[in-house]
């Protein structure tokens, strides 16, 4: 059983997948930091300084009873809250992350594009059929090339 597990774990695609997951986790942290620390503050500033994270509705007051100045105060008081501002933040973050990932993949695909392969056939001038480049006579119409 150990031998089978070792063979399974050492297959190339399993190791490649593990490397992809580790790099994906690190890349996810970079993107999350970019969204939270670089992109969200200017977006909040453009929207008039609105801090979405403090948008909530109190479903049940805690002790002491509200109103509360901020979400963390409501949660410390034991209130049950509907945190729609955090949901909006997550939607905006997801949209930005998806767009950033799209741009990275698009750039990678542009760099990875290969030159078109050299042609291996040519058209016969008499019958217009495809023939190998090295052909001296067309196999279709038997004319000399």
Protein backbone atom coordinates (compact mmCIF):
# COMPACT_ATOMS: atom_id res chain seq x y z
CA UNK A 1 0.00 0.00 0.00
CA UNK A 2 2.85 2.40 0.82
CA UNK A 3 4.52 1.62 -2.50
CA UNK A 4 1.30 2.40 -4.41
CA UNK A 5 0.88 5.67 -2.51
CA UNK A 6 4.49 6.66 -3.22
CA UNK A 7 4.00 5.94 -6.96
CA UNK A 8 0.80 8.00 -6.93
CA UNK A 9 2.38 10.92 -5.09
CA UNK A 10 5.46 10.99 -7.30
CA UNK A 11 3.61 11.10 -10.60
CA UNK A 12 4.50 14.19 -12.57
CA UNK A 13 0.99 15.64 -12.68
CA UNK A 14 0.53 15.34 -8.90
CA UNK A 15 3.78 17.20 -8.24
CA UNK A 16 2.87 19.83 -10.86
CA UNK A 17 -0.52 20.28 -9.23
CA UNK A 18 1.10 20.71 -5.80
CA UNK A 19 3.48 23.34 -7.15
CA UNK A 20 0.54 25.12 -8.81
CA UNK A 21 -1.44 25.16 -5.58
CA UNK A 22 1.48 26.57 -3.57
CA UNK A 23 2.22 29.26 -6.15
CA UNK A 24 -1.50 29.99 -6.47
CA UNK A 25 -1.74 30.54 -2.72
CA UNK A 26 1.20 32.94 -2.77
CA UNK A 27 -0.19 34.73 -5.82
CA UNK A 28 -3.57 34.97 -4.06
CA UNK A 29 -1.93 36.78 -1.14
CA UNK A 30 -0.25 39.23 -3.52
CA UNK A 31 -3.53 39.93 -5.33
CA UNK A 32 -5.44 40.27 -2.03
CA UNK A 33 -2.88 42.78 -0.79
CA UNK A 34 -3.02 44.69 -4.07
CA UNK A 35 -6.81 44.90 -3.85
CA UNK A 36 -7.05 45.76 -0.14
CA UNK A 37 -4.00 48.02 0.19
CA UNK A 38 -3.57 49.60 -3.24
CA UNK A 39 -6.85 49.60 -5.17
CA UNK A 40 -9.62 49.85 -2.58
CA UNK A 41 -8.44 53.09 -0.86
CA UNK A 42 -8.57 55.15 -4.11
CA UNK A 43 -11.90 53.56 -5.05
CA UNK A 44 -13.29 54.51 -1.63
CA UNK A 45 -11.89 58.03 -2.08
CA UNK A 46 -13.50 58.34 -5.53
CA UNK A 47 -16.82 57.25 -4.05
CA UNK A 48 -16.71 60.06 -1.49
CA UNK A 49 -14.84 58.30 1.27
CA UNK A 50 -17.52 55.61 1.68
CA UNK A 51 -16.24 52.74 3.78
CA UNK A 52 -18.33 49.77 2.71
CA UNK A 53 -17.10 47.65 5.60
CA UNK A 54 -19.18 49.70 8.06
CA UNK A 55 -22.47 49.25 6.20
CA UNK A 56 -24.67 46.89 8.18
CA UNK A 57 -28.16 46.38 9.59
CA UNK A 58 -28.68 45.40 13.22
CA UNK A 59 -31.08 42.43 13.35
CA UNK A 60 -30.96 42.05 17.14
CA UNK A 61 -29.45 44.49 19.61
CA UNK A 62 -26.74 43.40 22.00
CA UNK A 63 -25.88 44.81 25.40
CA UNK A 64 -25.69 47.75 25.52
CA UNK A 65 -28.38 48.44 22.93
CA UNK A 66 -27.52 50.43 19.77
CA UNK A 67 -27.20 52.54 17.78
CA UNK A 68 -23.58 51.63 17.18
CA UNK A 69 -21.01 53.87 15.51
CA UNK A 70 -19.25 51.02 13.72
CA UNK A 71 -19.66 47.35 12.91
CA UNK A 72 -16.95 46.21 15.31
CA UNK A 73 -18.70 48.00 18.19
CA UNK A 74 -21.98 46.28 17.32
CA UNK A 75 -20.26 42.90 17.19
CA UNK A 76 -18.45 43.52 20.51
CA UNK A 77 -21.85 44.30 22.09
CA UNK A 78 -23.11 40.91 20.89
CA UNK A 79 -25.51 42.27 18.27
CA UNK A 80 -26.68 40.12 15.39
CA UNK A 81 -25.84 42.07 12.23
CA UNK A 82 -26.39 41.72 8.50
CA UNK A 83 -23.05 42.87 7.07
CA UNK A 84 -23.97 43.88 3.53
CA UNK A 85 -21.04 46.33 3.33
CA UNK A 86 -18.52 43.51 3.73
CA UNK A 87 -20.41 41.62 1.03
CA UNK A 88 -20.10 44.63 -1.31
CA UNK A 89 -16.37 44.82 -0.48
CA UNK A 90 -15.97 41.15 -1.37
CA UNK A 91 -17.84 41.59 -4.66
CA UNK A 92 -15.65 44.56 -5.62
CA UNK A 93 -12.53 42.64 -4.55
CA UNK A 94 -13.57 39.59 -6.57
CA UNK A 95 -14.21 41.74 -9.64
CA UNK A 96 -10.81 43.40 -9.34
CA UNK A 97 -9.06 40.06 -8.74
CA UNK A 98 -10.84 38.48 -11.71
CA UNK A 99 -9.88 41.40 -13.95
CA UNK A 100 -6.26 41.35 -12.74
CA UNK A 101 -6.07 37.61 -13.35
CA UNK A 102 -7.59 38.09 -16.81
CA UNK A 103 -4.94 40.69 -17.64
CA UNK A 104 -2.11 38.46 -16.37
CA UNK A 105 -3.35 35.46 -18.38
CA UNK A 106 -3.87 37.65 -21.45
CA UNK A 107 -0.28 38.94 -21.16
CA UNK A 108 1.06 35.40 -20.71
CA UNK A 109 -0.87 34.19 -23.76
CA UNK A 110 0.54 37.08 -25.79
CA UNK A 111 4.09 36.16 -24.77
CA UNK A 112 3.48 32.46 -25.35
CA UNK A 113 2.14 32.84 -28.90
CA UNK A 114 4.29 30.85 -31.24
CA UNK A 115 5.18 31.76 -34.78
CA UNK A 116 3.06 29.93 -37.31
CA UNK A 117 4.60 26.68 -38.52
CA UNK A 118 6.34 26.73 -41.87
CA UNK A 119 4.12 25.41 -44.66
CA UNK A 120 4.69 21.81 -45.69
CA UNK A 121 2.62 21.93 -48.86
CA UNK A 122 2.15 24.12 -51.90
CA UNK A 123 -0.58 24.31 -54.51
CA UNK A 124 -0.09 22.82 -57.96
CA UNK A 125 -0.22 25.64 -60.56
CA UNK A 126 -2.24 23.42 -62.94
CA UNK A 127 -4.91 21.77 -60.76
CA UNK A 128 -4.62 23.88 -57.54
CA UNK A 129 -4.41 20.75 -55.34
CA UNK A 130 -2.15 20.71 -52.27
CA UNK A 131 1.11 18.83 -52.85
CA UNK A 132 4.30 18.41 -50.77
CA UNK A 133 6.88 21.19 -51.10
CA UNK A 134 9.56 18.81 -52.43
CA UNK A 135 7.31 17.38 -55.17
CA UNK A 136 8.55 17.74 -58.75
CA UNK A 137 5.43 16.31 -60.31
CA UNK A 138 1.81 16.67 -59.16
CA UNK A 139 0.36 13.32 -58.07
CA UNK A 140 -3.13 14.54 -58.98
CA UNK A 141 -2.73 15.87 -62.53
CA UNK A 142 0.82 14.55 -63.25
CA UNK A 143 2.04 17.95 -64.49
CA UNK A 144 5.65 18.94 -63.83
CA UNK A 145 6.15 21.59 -61.18
